[in-house]
Amino acid sequence: MTVFDMLKMIQIDHQPLTSPVVVMTDHSGKPNAVLTDLLHDVLNKMELFVDLSESPDADAVIQDLHNSTPLRADVLDEYHKILTQPVSGLNIARRKQLVEIIYDEFV
């Protein structure tokens, strides 16, 4: 399972996840600021330019962003990396009001 799969699957109040409520954490629950910031960036762009329900995979999201924005290829490559990042689980931190996506290390 990947970050993209999680984004397709998870909804809050029947709406897609938005950047303020999601963080990337390791298996111990420690947030990863770099991955979280990258995910927030791509989620913000997706809210404006991509219909997630119509996107079958991460490649389609990147293609939509390529067609709709002036983003450089290296930025789109980083977006693709975060969307295809393997994940192993999900934690709902109710007290913090966060959705924590637990990532696996790339091998």
Protein backbone atom coordinates (compact mmCIF):
# COMPACT_ATOMS: atom_id res chain seq x y z
CA MET A 1 0.00 0.00 0.00
CA THR A 2 1.20 3.52 -0.78
CA VAL A 3 0.42 7.06 0.37
CA PHE A 4 -1.73 7.47 -2.75
CA ASP A 5 -3.78 4.39 -1.80
CA MET A 6 -4.32 5.83 1.69
CA LEU A 7 -5.41 9.19 0.28
CA LYS A 8 -7.92 7.45 -1.99
CA MET A 9 -9.28 5.35 0.87
CA ILE A 10 -9.48 7.76 3.82
CA GLN A 11 -12.15 10.41 4.16
CA ILE A 12 -13.13 12.65 7.04
CA ASP A 13 -16.79 13.66 7.06
CA HIS A 14 -17.04 12.21 3.54
CA GLN A 15 -14.33 14.57 2.26
CA PRO A 16 -10.77 13.79 1.14
CA LEU A 17 -7.95 14.35 3.61
CA THR A 18 -6.61 17.89 3.75
CA SER A 19 -3.08 18.90 4.58
CA PRO A 20 -3.61 20.30 8.10
CA VAL A 21 -4.88 16.98 9.47
CA VAL A 22 -2.34 14.50 8.10
CA VAL A 23 1.25 13.75 9.10
CA MET A 24 3.80 11.14 8.08
CA THR A 25 5.25 9.15 10.99
CA ASP A 26 7.66 6.28 11.42
CA HIS A 27 6.72 3.04 13.18
CA SER A 28 7.42 4.55 16.61
CA GLY A 29 5.05 7.47 15.96
CA LYS A 30 7.79 10.05 15.42
CA PRO A 31 6.70 12.59 12.78
CA ASN A 32 8.90 13.13 9.75
CA ALA A 33 8.80 16.86 8.98
CA VAL A 34 10.32 16.54 5.50
CA LEU A 35 7.83 13.91 4.32
CA THR A 36 4.93 15.70 6.02
CA ASP A 37 5.80 19.04 4.38
CA LEU A 38 6.10 17.35 0.99
CA LEU A 39 2.76 15.60 1.48
CA HIS A 40 1.12 18.89 2.54
CA ASP A 41 2.49 20.58 -0.57
CA VAL A 42 1.18 17.92 -2.93
CA LEU A 43 -2.19 17.78 -1.13
CA ASN A 44 -2.59 21.55 -1.48
CA LYS A 45 -1.91 21.32 -5.22
CA MET A 46 -4.23 18.34 -5.57
CA GLU A 47 -7.07 20.25 -3.87
CA LEU A 48 -6.80 22.89 -6.58
CA PHE A 49 -6.00 20.89 -9.70
CA VAL A 50 -6.84 17.19 -9.29
CA ASP A 51 -10.05 15.26 -8.79
CA LEU A 52 -8.74 12.41 -6.64
CA SER A 53 -11.85 10.31 -7.25
CA GLU A 54 -11.05 10.34 -10.98
CA SER A 55 -7.36 9.49 -10.58
CA PRO A 56 -6.63 5.76 -10.81
CA ASP A 57 -3.03 6.04 -9.62
CA ALA A 58 -0.20 8.37 -8.64
CA ASP A 59 0.94 8.65 -12.26
CA ALA A 60 -2.45 10.12 -13.22
CA VAL A 61 -2.18 12.69 -10.42
CA ILE A 62 1.27 13.73 -11.61
CA GLN A 63 0.03 13.94 -15.20
CA ASP A 64 -2.89 16.15 -14.11
CA LEU A 65 -0.51 18.42 -12.18
CA HIS A 66 1.85 18.54 -15.17
CA ASN A 67 -1.04 19.56 -17.45
CA SER A 68 -2.54 22.10 -15.03
CA THR A 69 0.45 23.78 -13.40
CA PRO A 70 3.83 25.23 -14.35
CA LEU A 71 5.57 22.95 -11.82
CA ARG A 72 9.06 21.84 -12.82
CA ALA A 73 9.85 18.20 -13.54
CA ASP A 74 11.98 17.85 -10.39
CA VAL A 75 9.08 19.04 -8.22
CA LEU A 76 6.70 16.61 -9.90
CA ASP A 77 9.25 13.85 -9.36
CA GLU A 78 9.30 14.59 -5.62
CA TYR A 79 5.49 14.59 -5.58
CA HIS A 80 5.52 11.20 -7.30
CA LYS A 81 7.95 9.87 -4.69
CA ILE A 82 5.73 10.87 -1.77
CA LEU A 83 2.59 9.51 -3.44
CA THR A 84 4.29 6.17 -4.10
CA GLN A 85 5.92 5.99 -0.66
CA PRO A 86 5.14 2.56 0.85
CA VAL A 87 3.08 2.68 4.03
CA SER A 88 2.39 0.06 6.65
CA GLY A 89 -0.44 1.55 8.63
CA LEU A 90 -2.58 4.35 9.84
CA ASN A 91 -3.11 5.88 13.25
CA ILE A 92 -5.91 8.24 14.20
CA ALA A 93 -4.64 10.55 16.93
CA ARG A 94 -7.95 11.81 18.27
CA ARG A 95 -6.47 14.01 20.97
CA LYS A 96 -4.21 15.75 18.43
CA GLN A 97 -6.94 15.61 15.76
CA LEU A 98 -4.47 14.13 13.28
CA VAL A 99 -4.34 11.29 10.83
CA GLU A 100 -0.89 9.71 10.99
CA ILE A 101 0.22 7.76 7.94
CA ILE A 102 2.90 5.30 9.05
CA TYR A 103 5.50 5.04 6.33
CA ASP A 104 7.90 2.25 5.47
CA GLU A 105 11.47 3.03 4.54
CA PHE A 106 12.23 2.79 0.84
CA VAL A 107 14.37 -0.27 0.22
